[in-house]
Amino acid sequence: MLHSSSSKNSTVVRSPATVRLTRAALQTAFVVSEQLGASFAERLFTTPRRHARPERERATLATGRPFTVDVALRSPRWNGQHCRVAAWRWGHGPTVLLVHGWEGRGSQLGAFIQPLVSAGLSVVTFDAPAHGDSPGHRLYLTDQADCIADVAAIAGPLHAIIAHSFGAAAVLLAYDRGGVDAARNVLLAPNVLIDDAIGRFAKAVALDDAERTLLEGQLAERSGVGLASLRIEHLTSGRDAALLVVHDRADREVPYHHGVRLAATWPNATLRTTEGLGHRRILRDPAVIAETVELVRQGVLPPASDLVREVDRWLDHHER
């Protein structure tokens, strides 16, 4: 997924000079043939940059139990291929799945791990294809949904899912396809209005309406899912699980109205608006983490040490 530098997104194309060159190359491709232009645009849209993992994330992964998951990539583009993705697990108890966003890594949500483990939960995360420690160079939304389904099949049943950005859209698609379910959901800075995401990409690389339509057709053909099936009203239809949406009003990468629309279309949803956290600091904010853990830990017995302390307090109170 590619955006211009004006929105300061993590992108394949960032500098103004690179954006101009990309636009020129795309227009040249469309002049040669519509098919070539659409294929080039589709490649740009589905090619993430792989970022180095910072030290704090490496330290977090060092405390987890690593494993791998064989993911069946179900979109027509991959023709039955599989991808073995890197995954990690912490703690014991009901499983919470952490899902990263575009050009992210599972360890980006690392600040949630210890509070969740302390609450008596087991935490699982993974790196999607073409991200982090997993192989590959391209990623479709359907691929991320495939990862969620196959990781859940091994690590589940799922007590809760916490997802960031593009990962939130993949969670919705995984739910819509069936076979994945969680009673508690937290979606952070959710990038869930797919037509809007494509529109922002098209504007960044100067595609006209006809060229954008060709791109949409190419994406539908390669992924096996058309835009109509990705409408937020369709993806949230019939959902009744608990949902907390957290979105910063000034998020410059995924517009705030994505979170507003999601909360409005999902029954039983709560929208929490933050100020000044942007798109990624929201993943490390203590208040966001505390509210997330409070929702997710519902229905979970406290760890044994906490339970003993609660019993002791109860006995002390009733012996007085």
C-alpha atoms as a PDB file:
ATOM      1  CA  MET A   1       0.000   0.000   0.000  1.00  0.00           C
ATOM      2  CA  LEU A   2       1.500   3.308  -1.047  1.00  0.00           C
ATOM      3  CA  HIS A   3       0.774   6.873  -0.030  1.00  0.00           C
ATOM      4  CA  SER A   4       2.347  10.234  -0.689  1.00  0.00           C
ATOM      5  CA  SER A   5       4.739  11.899   1.698  1.00  0.00           C
ATOM      6  CA  SER A   6       2.189  14.611   2.506  1.00  0.00           C
ATOM      7  CA  SER A   7       0.402  12.242   4.897  1.00  0.00           C
ATOM      8  CA  LYS A   8       3.734  11.043   6.377  1.00  0.00           C
ATOM      9  CA  ASN A   9       2.713   7.414   5.991  1.00  0.00           C
ATOM     10  CA  SER A  10       5.128   4.505   6.128  1.00  0.00           C
ATOM     11  CA  THR A  11       5.256   3.933   2.416  1.00  0.00           C
ATOM     12  CA  VAL A  12       6.904   2.399  -0.584  1.00  0.00           C
ATOM     13  CA  VAL A  13       7.021   5.916  -2.018  1.00  0.00           C
ATOM     14  CA  ARG A  14       8.009   8.662   0.422  1.00  0.00           C
ATOM     15  CA  SER A  15      10.094  11.548  -0.930  1.00  0.00           C
ATOM     16  CA  PRO A  16       8.530  14.067  -3.347  1.00  0.00           C
ATOM     17  CA  ALA A  17      11.105  13.180  -5.996  1.00  0.00           C
ATOM     18  CA  THR A  18      10.304   9.475  -5.717  1.00  0.00           C
ATOM     19  CA  VAL A  19       6.584  10.217  -5.881  1.00  0.00           C
ATOM     20  CA  ARG A  20       7.096  12.208  -9.106  1.00  0.00           C
ATOM     21  CA  LEU A  21       9.166   9.418 -10.642  1.00  0.00           C
ATOM     22  CA  THR A  22       6.597   6.813  -9.639  1.00  0.00           C
ATOM     23  CA  ARG A  23       3.772   8.845 -11.138  1.00  0.00           C
ATOM     24  CA  ALA A  24       5.711   9.256 -14.379  1.00  0.00           C
ATOM     25  CA  ALA A  25       6.524   5.539 -14.555  1.00  0.00           C
ATOM     26  CA  LEU A  26       2.898   4.610 -13.918  1.00  0.00           C
ATOM     27  CA  GLN A  27       1.598   6.954 -16.589  1.00  0.00           C
ATOM     28  CA  THR A  28       4.137   5.567 -19.054  1.00  0.00           C
ATOM     29  CA  ALA A  29       2.977   2.047 -18.229  1.00  0.00           C
ATOM     30  CA  PHE A  30      -0.651   2.996 -18.836  1.00  0.00           C
ATOM     31  CA  VAL A  31       0.312   4.563 -22.185  1.00  0.00           C
ATOM     32  CA  VAL A  32       1.942   1.285 -23.229  1.00  0.00           C
ATOM     33  CA  SER A  33      -1.163  -0.690 -22.210  1.00  0.00           C
ATOM     34  CA  GLU A  34      -3.928  -0.554 -19.647  1.00  0.00           C
ATOM     35  CA  GLN A  35      -3.005  -4.044 -18.459  1.00  0.00           C
ATOM     36  CA  LEU A  36       0.624  -3.068 -17.860  1.00  0.00           C
ATOM     37  CA  GLY A  37      -0.404   0.067 -16.006  1.00  0.00           C
ATOM     38  CA  ALA A  38      -2.898  -1.759 -13.812  1.00  0.00           C
ATOM     39  CA  SER A  39      -0.352  -4.490 -13.019  1.00  0.00           C
ATOM     40  CA  PHE A  40       2.280  -1.931 -12.068  1.00  0.00           C
ATOM     41  CA  ALA A  41      -0.175  -0.038  -9.843  1.00  0.00           C
ATOM     42  CA  GLU A  42      -1.298  -3.281  -8.212  1.00  0.00           C
ATOM     43  CA  ARG A  43       2.309  -4.261  -7.498  1.00  0.00           C
ATOM     44  CA  LEU A  44       2.986  -0.904  -5.852  1.00  0.00           C
ATOM     45  CA  PHE A  45      -0.175  -1.166  -3.770  1.00  0.00           C
ATOM     46  CA  THR A  46       0.672  -4.636  -2.456  1.00  0.00           C
ATOM     47  CA  THR A  47       4.438  -4.252  -1.863  1.00  0.00           C
ATOM     48  CA  PRO A  48       5.359  -3.199   1.688  1.00  0.00           C
ATOM     49  CA  ARG A  49       8.707  -1.961   2.876  1.00  0.00           C
ATOM     50  CA  ARG A  50      10.339  -4.177   5.497  1.00  0.00           C
ATOM     51  CA  HIS A  51      11.548  -2.069   8.425  1.00  0.00           C
ATOM     52  CA  ALA A  52      14.277  -2.983  10.887  1.00  0.00           C
ATOM     53  CA  ARG A  53      13.013  -4.136  14.281  1.00  0.00           C
ATOM     54  CA  PRO A  54      14.025  -1.683  17.047  1.00  0.00           C
ATOM     55  CA  GLU A  55      15.823  -2.895  20.157  1.00  0.00           C
ATOM     56  CA  ARG A  56      12.760  -2.662  22.407  1.00  0.00           C
ATOM     57  CA  GLU A  57      10.923  -5.067  20.081  1.00  0.00           C
ATOM     58  CA  ARG A  58      13.866  -7.476  19.917  1.00  0.00           C
ATOM     59  CA  ALA A  59      13.939  -7.510  23.712  1.00  0.00           C
ATOM     60  CA  THR A  60      10.212  -8.290  23.809  1.00  0.00           C
ATOM     61  CA  LEU A  61      10.540 -11.199  21.379  1.00  0.00           C
ATOM     62  CA  ALA A  62      13.451 -12.628  23.382  1.00  0.00           C
ATOM     63  CA  THR A  63      11.031 -13.251  26.272  1.00  0.00           C
ATOM     64  CA  GLY A  64       8.529 -15.169  24.113  1.00  0.00           C
ATOM     65  CA  ARG A  65       8.340 -18.748  22.898  1.00  0.00           C
ATOM     66  CA  PRO A  66       8.911 -18.735  19.112  1.00  0.00           C
ATOM     67  CA  PHE A  67       7.139 -21.041  16.685  1.00  0.00           C
ATOM     68  CA  THR A  68       6.090 -21.010  13.036  1.00  0.00           C
ATOM     69  CA  VAL A  69       2.742 -21.425  11.333  1.00  0.00           C
ATOM     70  CA  ASP A  70       2.213 -22.871   7.863  1.00  0.00           C
ATOM     71  CA  VAL A  71      -0.288 -20.475   6.271  1.00  0.00           C
ATOM     72  CA  ALA A  72      -2.254 -21.514   3.192  1.00  0.00           C
ATOM     73  CA  LEU A  73      -2.544 -18.463   0.938  1.00  0.00           C
ATOM     74  CA  ARG A  74      -6.000 -18.805  -0.550  1.00  0.00           C
ATOM     75  CA  SER A  75      -6.112 -15.913  -3.037  1.00  0.00           C
ATOM     76  CA  PRO A  76      -5.907 -16.785  -6.770  1.00  0.00           C
ATOM     77  CA  ARG A  77      -2.661 -14.800  -7.052  1.00  0.00           C
ATOM     78  CA  TRP A  78      -0.745 -17.454  -5.107  1.00  0.00           C
ATOM     79  CA  ASN A  79      -2.221 -20.535  -6.778  1.00  0.00           C
ATOM     80  CA  GLY A  80      -2.239 -22.652  -3.637  1.00  0.00           C
ATOM     81  CA  GLN A  81       1.135 -21.574  -2.249  1.00  0.00           C
ATOM     82  CA  HIS A  82       1.923 -21.675   1.457  1.00  0.00           C
ATOM     83  CA  CYS A  83       3.999 -19.320   3.609  1.00  0.00           C
ATOM     84  CA  ARG A  84       5.585 -20.292   6.910  1.00  0.00           C
ATOM     85  CA  VAL A  85       5.222 -17.216   9.117  1.00  0.00           C
ATOM     86  CA  ALA A  86       7.131 -16.404  12.296  1.00  0.00           C
ATOM     87  CA  ALA A  87       5.082 -16.359  15.510  1.00  0.00           C
ATOM     88  CA  TRP A  88       5.618 -16.033  19.273  1.00  0.00           C
ATOM     89  CA  ARG A  89       3.710 -16.867  22.451  1.00  0.00           C
ATOM     90  CA  TRP A  90       3.824 -15.599  26.046  1.00  0.00           C
ATOM     91  CA  GLY A  91       2.055 -16.648  29.225  1.00  0.00           C
ATOM     92  CA  HIS A  92      -0.629 -19.208  29.964  1.00  0.00           C
ATOM     93  CA  GLY A  93      -4.390 -18.978  29.891  1.00  0.00           C
ATOM     94  CA  PRO A  94      -7.022 -17.892  27.352  1.00  0.00           C
ATOM     95  CA  THR A  95      -5.443 -16.699  24.107  1.00  0.00           C
ATOM     96  CA  VAL A  96      -5.265 -13.092  22.943  1.00  0.00           C
ATOM     97  CA  LEU A  97      -4.081 -12.614  19.346  1.00  0.00           C
ATOM     98  CA  LEU A  98      -2.169  -9.439  18.442  1.00  0.00           C
ATOM     99  CA  VAL A  99      -2.336  -8.441  14.751  1.00  0.00           C
ATOM    100  CA  HIS A 100      -0.025  -5.821  13.264  1.00  0.00           C
ATOM    101  CA  GLY A 101      -0.691  -3.400  10.426  1.00  0.00           C
ATOM    102  CA  TRP A 102       0.848  -2.545   7.049  1.00  0.00           C
ATOM    103  CA  GLU A 103       4.664  -2.480   7.154  1.00  0.00           C
ATOM    104  CA  GLY A 104       4.464  -3.393  10.838  1.00  0.00           C
ATOM    105  CA  ARG A 105       5.461  -6.358  12.958  1.00  0.00           C
ATOM    106  CA  GLY A 106       3.739  -8.360  15.658  1.00  0.00           C
ATOM    107  CA  SER A 107       6.184  -6.981  18.203  1.00  0.00           C
ATOM    108  CA  GLN A 108       4.913  -3.438  17.551  1.00  0.00           C
ATOM    109  CA  LEU A 109       2.093  -4.322  19.945  1.00  0.00           C
ATOM    110  CA  GLY A 110       4.626  -5.523  22.505  1.00  0.00           C
ATOM    111  CA  ALA A 111       3.577  -3.007  25.168  1.00  0.00           C
ATOM    112  CA  PHE A 112       0.338  -4.955  25.616  1.00  0.00           C
ATOM    113  CA  ILE A 113       2.035  -8.294  26.290  1.00  0.00           C
ATOM    114  CA  GLN A 114       3.137  -8.099  29.927  1.00  0.00           C
ATOM    115  CA  PRO A 115      -0.082  -6.453  31.187  1.00  0.00           C
ATOM    116  CA  LEU A 116      -2.108  -9.161  29.447  1.00  0.00           C
ATOM    117  CA  VAL A 117       0.079 -11.964  30.788  1.00  0.00           C
ATOM    118  CA  SER A 118      -0.177 -10.466  34.285  1.00  0.00           C
ATOM    119  CA  ALA A 119      -3.963 -10.563  33.876  1.00  0.00           C
ATOM    120  CA  GLY A 120      -3.838 -14.338  33.387  1.00  0.00           C
ATOM    121  CA  LEU A 121      -3.870 -14.439  29.596  1.00  0.00           C
ATOM    122  CA  SER A 122      -1.704 -16.041  26.945  1.00  0.00           C
ATOM    123  CA  VAL A 123      -0.577 -13.723  24.141  1.00  0.00           C
ATOM    124  CA  VAL A 124       0.203 -14.760  20.564  1.00  0.00           C
ATOM    125  CA  THR A 125       1.453 -12.630  17.699  1.00  0.00           C
ATOM    126  CA  PHE A 126       2.966 -13.192  14.256  1.00  0.00           C
ATOM    127  CA  ASP A 127       4.690 -11.423  11.368  1.00  0.00           C
ATOM    128  CA  ALA A 128       2.622 -11.459   8.186  1.00  0.00           C
ATOM    129  CA  PRO A 129       4.224 -12.440   4.865  1.00  0.00           C
ATOM    130  CA  ALA A 130       6.667  -9.762   3.631  1.00  0.00           C
ATOM    131  CA  HIS A 131       6.854  -8.331   7.165  1.00  0.00           C
ATOM    132  CA  GLY A 132       9.273  -8.750  10.063  1.00  0.00           C
ATOM    133  CA  ASP A 133      10.859 -12.211  10.170  1.00  0.00           C
ATOM    134  CA  SER A 134       8.452 -13.835   7.691  1.00  0.00           C
ATOM    135  CA  PRO A 135       9.375 -14.432   4.035  1.00  0.00           C
ATOM    136  CA  GLY A 136       7.805 -12.847   0.989  1.00  0.00           C
ATOM    137  CA  HIS A 137       7.619  -9.530  -0.852  1.00  0.00           C
ATOM    138  CA  ARG A 138       3.909  -8.934  -1.420  1.00  0.00           C
ATOM    139  CA  LEU A 139       0.843  -8.868   0.814  1.00  0.00           C
ATOM    140  CA  TYR A 140      -2.856  -8.785   0.010  1.00  0.00           C
ATOM    141  CA  LEU A 141      -5.529  -8.127   2.608  1.00  0.00           C
ATOM    142  CA  THR A 142      -6.684 -11.696   2.011  1.00  0.00           C
ATOM    143  CA  ASP A 143      -3.199 -12.975   2.928  1.00  0.00           C
ATOM    144  CA  GLN A 144      -3.332 -11.256   6.298  1.00  0.00           C
ATOM    145  CA  ALA A 145      -6.802 -12.735   6.874  1.00  0.00           C
ATOM    146  CA  ASP A 146      -5.395 -16.167   5.970  1.00  0.00           C
ATOM    147  CA  CYS A 147      -2.680 -15.694   8.602  1.00  0.00           C
ATOM    148  CA  ILE A 148      -5.230 -14.800  11.262  1.00  0.00           C
ATOM    149  CA  ALA A 149      -7.296 -17.883  10.450  1.00  0.00           C
ATOM    150  CA  ASP A 150      -4.372 -20.310  10.404  1.00  0.00           C
ATOM    151  CA  VAL A 151      -2.668 -18.881  13.509  1.00  0.00           C
ATOM    152  CA  ALA A 152      -6.010 -19.007  15.347  1.00  0.00           C
ATOM    153  CA  ALA A 153      -6.465 -22.637  14.295  1.00  0.00           C
ATOM    154  CA  ILE A 154      -3.193 -23.533  16.035  1.00  0.00           C
ATOM    155  CA  ALA A 155      -3.182 -21.116  18.972  1.00  0.00           C
ATOM    156  CA  GLY A 156      -6.922 -20.798  19.643  1.00  0.00           C
ATOM    157  CA  PRO A 157      -9.645 -20.805  20.609  1.00  0.00           C
ATOM    158  CA  LEU A 158      -9.327 -17.038  20.788  1.00  0.00           C
ATOM    159  CA  HIS A 159     -10.486 -15.163  23.841  1.00  0.00           C
ATOM    160  CA  ALA A 160      -9.763 -11.771  22.242  1.00  0.00           C
ATOM    161  CA  ILE A 161      -8.118 -10.040  19.292  1.00  0.00           C
ATOM    162  CA  ILE A 162      -6.206  -6.755  19.399  1.00  0.00           C
ATOM    163  CA  ALA A 163      -5.345  -5.379  15.956  1.00  0.00           C
ATOM    164  CA  HIS A 164      -3.743  -2.242  14.565  1.00  0.00           C
ATOM    165  CA  SER A 165      -4.427  -0.337  11.333  1.00  0.00           C
ATOM    166  CA  PHE A 166      -4.516  -2.614   8.239  1.00  0.00           C
ATOM    167  CA  GLY A 167      -4.615  -5.568  10.619  1.00  0.00           C
ATOM    168  CA  ALA A 168      -8.085  -4.462  11.736  1.00  0.00           C
ATOM    169  CA  ALA A 169      -9.422  -4.812   8.180  1.00  0.00           C
ATOM    170  CA  ALA A 170      -7.884  -8.285   7.979  1.00  0.00           C
ATOM    171  CA  VAL A 171      -9.604  -9.255  11.237  1.00  0.00           C
ATOM    172  CA  LEU A 172     -12.965  -8.149   9.827  1.00  0.00           C
ATOM    173  CA  LEU A 173     -12.356 -10.158   6.658  1.00  0.00           C
ATOM    174  CA  ALA A 174     -11.307 -13.229   8.658  1.00  0.00           C
ATOM    175  CA  TYR A 175     -14.518 -12.972  10.670  1.00  0.00           C
ATOM    176  CA  ASP A 176     -16.601 -12.573   7.518  1.00  0.00           C
ATOM    177  CA  ARG A 177     -15.072 -15.680   5.960  1.00  0.00           C
ATOM    178  CA  GLY A 178     -15.935 -17.755   9.019  1.00  0.00           C
ATOM    179  CA  GLY A 179     -13.820 -20.024  11.170  1.00  0.00           C
ATOM    180  CA  VAL A 180     -12.431 -17.195  13.309  1.00  0.00           C
ATOM    181  CA  ASP A 181     -14.235 -15.703  16.277  1.00  0.00           C
ATOM    182  CA  ALA A 182     -13.426 -13.819  19.463  1.00  0.00           C
ATOM    183  CA  ALA A 183     -15.854 -12.422  22.013  1.00  0.00           C
ATOM    184  CA  ARG A 184     -13.699  -9.361  22.740  1.00  0.00           C
ATOM    185  CA  ASN A 185     -12.053  -7.101  20.169  1.00  0.00           C
ATOM    186  CA  VAL A 186      -9.887  -4.009  20.316  1.00  0.00           C
ATOM    187  CA  LEU A 187      -9.126  -2.300  17.000  1.00  0.00           C
ATOM    188  CA  LEU A 188      -6.557   0.489  17.162  1.00  0.00           C
ATOM    189  CA  ALA A 189      -6.360   3.181  14.460  1.00  0.00           C
ATOM    190  CA  PRO A 190      -8.349   0.831  12.199  1.00  0.00           C
ATOM    191  CA  ASN A 191      -7.729   1.164   8.470  1.00  0.00           C
ATOM    192  CA  VAL A 192     -11.036  -0.446   7.512  1.00  0.00           C
ATOM    193  CA  LEU A 193     -12.539   1.656   4.704  1.00  0.00           C
ATOM    194  CA  ILE A 194     -10.863  -0.110   1.803  1.00  0.00           C
ATOM    195  CA  ASP A 195     -12.356   2.064  -0.944  1.00  0.00           C
ATOM    196  CA  ASP A 196     -10.964   5.108   0.881  1.00  0.00           C
ATOM    197  CA  ALA A 197      -7.523   3.484   1.193  1.00  0.00           C
ATOM    198  CA  ILE A 198      -7.473   2.762  -2.547  1.00  0.00           C
ATOM    199  CA  GLY A 199      -8.669   6.297  -3.249  1.00  0.00           C
ATOM    200  CA  ARG A 200      -5.822   7.809  -1.209  1.00  0.00           C
ATOM    201  CA  PHE A 201      -3.330   5.599  -3.028  1.00  0.00           C
ATOM    202  CA  ALA A 202      -4.795   6.578  -6.408  1.00  0.00           C
ATOM    203  CA  LYS A 203      -4.512  10.265  -5.532  1.00  0.00           C
ATOM    204  CA  ALA A 204      -0.915   9.834  -4.362  1.00  0.00           C
ATOM    205  CA  VAL A 205       0.169   8.326  -7.696  1.00  0.00           C
ATOM    206  CA  ALA A 206      -2.149  10.491  -9.827  1.00  0.00           C
ATOM    207  CA  LEU A 207      -4.428   7.756 -11.196  1.00  0.00           C
ATOM    208  CA  ASP A 208      -7.544   9.023 -12.927  1.00  0.00           C
ATOM    209  CA  ASP A 209     -10.936   7.419 -12.359  1.00  0.00           C
ATOM    210  CA  ALA A 210     -10.561   4.961 -15.239  1.00  0.00           C
ATOM    211  CA  GLU A 211      -7.103   3.886 -14.075  1.00  0.00           C
ATOM    212  CA  ARG A 212      -8.337   3.500 -10.502  1.00  0.00           C
ATOM    213  CA  THR A 213     -11.157   1.275 -11.756  1.00  0.00           C
ATOM    214  CA  LEU A 214      -8.622  -0.887 -13.572  1.00  0.00           C
ATOM    215  CA  LEU A 215      -6.557  -1.154 -10.385  1.00  0.00           C
ATOM    216  CA  GLU A 216      -9.618  -2.188  -8.392  1.00  0.00           C
ATOM    217  CA  GLY A 217     -10.399  -4.858 -10.961  1.00  0.00           C
ATOM    218  CA  GLN A 218      -6.845  -6.165 -10.849  1.00  0.00           C
ATOM    219  CA  LEU A 219      -6.891  -6.339  -7.043  1.00  0.00           C
ATOM    220  CA  ALA A 220     -10.213  -8.184  -7.074  1.00  0.00           C
ATOM    221  CA  GLU A 221      -8.936 -10.684  -9.643  1.00  0.00           C
ATOM    222  CA  ARG A 222      -5.668 -11.356  -7.838  1.00  0.00           C
ATOM    223  CA  SER A 223      -7.060 -11.480  -4.302  1.00  0.00           C
ATOM    224  CA  GLY A 224     -10.370 -13.130  -5.113  1.00  0.00           C
ATOM    225  CA  VAL A 225     -12.331 -10.486  -3.172  1.00  0.00           C
ATOM    226  CA  GLY A 226     -14.054  -7.490  -4.756  1.00  0.00           C
ATOM    227  CA  LEU A 227     -14.612  -4.094  -3.181  1.00  0.00           C
ATOM    228  CA  ALA A 228     -18.310  -4.745  -2.622  1.00  0.00           C
ATOM    229  CA  SER A 229     -17.413  -7.612  -0.276  1.00  0.00           C
ATOM    230  CA  LEU A 230     -15.075  -5.326   1.665  1.00  0.00           C
ATOM    231  CA  ARG A 231     -17.593  -2.599   2.443  1.00  0.00           C
ATOM    232  CA  ILE A 232     -17.616  -1.897   6.166  1.00  0.00           C
ATOM    233  CA  GLU A 233     -21.372  -2.443   6.393  1.00  0.00           C
ATOM    234  CA  HIS A 234     -20.941  -5.913   4.925  1.00  0.00           C
ATOM    235  CA  LEU A 235     -17.960  -6.862   7.091  1.00  0.00           C
ATOM    236  CA  THR A 236     -19.647  -5.824  10.344  1.00  0.00           C
ATOM    237  CA  SER A 237     -23.086  -7.211   9.548  1.00  0.00           C
ATOM    238  CA  GLY A 238     -24.336  -9.528  12.276  1.00  0.00           C
ATOM    239  CA  ARG A 239     -21.414  -8.933  14.616  1.00  0.00           C
ATOM    240  CA  ASP A 240     -22.455  -8.833  18.279  1.00  0.00           C
ATOM    241  CA  ALA A 241     -19.143  -9.320  20.095  1.00  0.00           C
ATOM    242  CA  ALA A 242     -17.713  -6.572  22.280  1.00  0.00           C
ATOM    243  CA  LEU A 243     -15.610  -4.036  20.360  1.00  0.00           C
ATOM    244  CA  LEU A 244     -13.459  -1.158  21.562  1.00  0.00           C
ATOM    245  CA  VAL A 245     -12.288   1.174  18.784  1.00  0.00           C
ATOM    246  CA  VAL A 246      -9.431   3.508  19.691  1.00  0.00           C
ATOM    247  CA  HIS A 247      -8.480   6.184  17.165  1.00  0.00           C
ATOM    248  CA  ASP A 248      -6.569   9.444  17.428  1.00  0.00           C
ATOM    249  CA  ARG A 249      -8.387  12.456  16.067  1.00  0.00           C
ATOM    250  CA  ALA A 250      -5.204  13.746  14.411  1.00  0.00           C
ATOM    251  CA  ASP A 251      -4.029  10.410  12.920  1.00  0.00           C
ATOM    252  CA  ARG A 252      -2.307  11.447   9.680  1.00  0.00           C
ATOM    253  CA  GLU A 253      -1.974   7.944   8.270  1.00  0.00           C
ATOM    254  CA  VAL A 254      -5.449   6.515   8.716  1.00  0.00           C
ATOM    255  CA  PRO A 255      -8.134   9.224   8.906  1.00  0.00           C
ATOM    256  CA  TYR A 256     -10.179   9.369  12.103  1.00  0.00           C
ATOM    257  CA  HIS A 257     -13.426   8.798  10.205  1.00  0.00           C
ATOM    258  CA  HIS A 258     -12.381   5.159   9.659  1.00  0.00           C
ATOM    259  CA  GLY A 259     -12.743   4.544  13.391  1.00  0.00           C
ATOM    260  CA  VAL A 260     -15.963   6.542  13.575  1.00  0.00           C
ATOM    261  CA  ARG A 261     -17.570   4.566  10.743  1.00  0.00           C
ATOM    262  CA  LEU A 262     -16.468   1.250  12.213  1.00  0.00           C
ATOM    263  CA  ALA A 263     -17.907   2.043  15.632  1.00  0.00           C
ATOM    264  CA  ALA A 264     -21.136   3.265  14.044  1.00  0.00           C
ATOM    265  CA  THR A 265     -21.696   0.112  11.997  1.00  0.00           C
ATOM    266  CA  TRP A 266     -20.677  -2.529  14.578  1.00  0.00           C
ATOM    267  CA  PRO A 267     -23.385  -3.148  17.190  1.00  0.00           C
ATOM    268  CA  ASN A 268     -22.088  -3.117  20.762  1.00  0.00           C
ATOM    269  CA  ALA A 269     -19.054  -0.986  19.842  1.00  0.00           C
ATOM    270  CA  THR A 270     -17.417   1.732  21.933  1.00  0.00           C
ATOM    271  CA  LEU A 271     -15.336   4.486  20.315  1.00  0.00           C
ATOM    272  CA  ARG A 272     -12.499   5.955  22.354  1.00  0.00           C
ATOM    273  CA  THR A 273     -10.990   9.099  20.821  1.00  0.00           C
ATOM    274  CA  THR A 274      -7.446  10.098  21.738  1.00  0.00           C
ATOM    275  CA  GLU A 275      -5.599  13.350  21.153  1.00  0.00           C
ATOM    276  CA  GLY A 276      -1.964  13.722  20.182  1.00  0.00           C
ATOM    277  CA  LEU A 277      -1.040  10.029  19.947  1.00  0.00           C
ATOM    278  CA  GLY A 278      -1.048   9.737  16.172  1.00  0.00           C
ATOM    279  CA  HIS A 279      -0.953   6.392  14.403  1.00  0.00           C
ATOM    280  CA  ARG A 280       1.733   4.481  16.337  1.00  0.00           C
ATOM    281  CA  ARG A 281       2.210   6.088  19.749  1.00  0.00           C
ATOM    282  CA  ILE A 282      -1.312   4.835  20.434  1.00  0.00           C
ATOM    283  CA  LEU A 283       0.270   1.364  20.726  1.00  0.00           C
ATOM    284  CA  ARG A 284       2.372   2.391  23.733  1.00  0.00           C
ATOM    285  CA  ASP A 285       0.053   4.772  25.563  1.00  0.00           C
ATOM    286  CA  PRO A 286      -0.530   3.607  29.176  1.00  0.00           C
ATOM    287  CA  ALA A 287      -4.177   4.710  29.226  1.00  0.00           C
ATOM    288  CA  VAL A 288      -4.952   2.888  25.964  1.00  0.00           C
ATOM    289  CA  ILE A 289      -3.208  -0.244  27.223  1.00  0.00           C
ATOM    290  CA  ALA A 290      -5.036  -0.133  30.568  1.00  0.00           C
ATOM    291  CA  GLU A 291      -8.468   0.234  28.942  1.00  0.00           C
ATOM    292  CA  THR A 292      -7.669  -2.535  26.489  1.00  0.00           C
ATOM    293  CA  VAL A 293      -6.588  -4.936  29.224  1.00  0.00           C
ATOM    294  CA  GLU A 294      -9.654  -4.079  31.297  1.00  0.00           C
ATOM    295  CA  LEU A 295     -11.948  -5.124  28.424  1.00  0.00           C
ATOM    296  CA  VAL A 296      -9.951  -8.169  27.393  1.00  0.00           C
ATOM    297  CA  ARG A 297      -9.539  -9.626  30.873  1.00  0.00           C
ATOM    298  CA  GLN A 298     -13.309  -9.830  31.420  1.00  0.00           C
ATOM    299  CA  GLY A 299     -14.355 -13.413  32.046  1.00  0.00           C
ATOM    300  CA  VAL A 300     -10.820 -14.503  32.976  1.00  0.00           C
ATOM    301  CA  LEU A 301      -9.942 -15.747  36.439  1.00  0.00           C
ATOM    302  CA  PRO A 302      -7.047 -13.784  37.931  1.00  0.00           C
ATOM    303  CA  PRO A 303      -3.659 -15.515  38.161  1.00  0.00           C
ATOM    304  CA  ALA A 304      -3.237 -17.806  41.167  1.00  0.00           C
ATOM    305  CA  SER A 305      -1.240 -15.273  43.206  1.00  0.00           C
ATOM    306  CA  ASP A 306      -3.881 -12.584  42.641  1.00  0.00           C
ATOM    307  CA  LEU A 307      -6.638 -15.055  43.472  1.00  0.00           C
ATOM    308  CA  VAL A 308      -4.958 -15.994  46.750  1.00  0.00           C
ATOM    309  CA  ARG A 309      -4.649 -12.318  47.678  1.00  0.00           C
ATOM    310  CA  GLU A 310      -8.329 -11.739  46.901  1.00  0.00           C
ATOM    311  CA  VAL A 311      -9.359 -14.708  49.058  1.00  0.00           C
ATOM    312  CA  ASP A 312      -7.157 -13.462  51.905  1.00  0.00           C
ATOM    313  CA  ARG A 313      -8.721 -10.011  51.705  1.00  0.00           C
ATOM    314  CA  TRP A 314     -12.199 -11.529  51.718  1.00  0.00           C
ATOM    315  CA  LEU A 315     -11.405 -13.695  54.742  1.00  0.00           C
ATOM    316  CA  ASP A 316      -9.860 -10.775  56.623  1.00  0.00           C
ATOM    317  CA  HIS A 317     -12.945  -8.675  55.944  1.00  0.00           C
ATOM    318  CA  HIS A 318     -15.403 -11.329  57.117  1.00  0.00           C
ATOM    319  CA  GLU A 319     -13.400 -12.294  60.216  1.00  0.00           C
ATOM    320  CA  ARG A 320     -13.559  -8.798  61.594  1.00  0.00           C
END
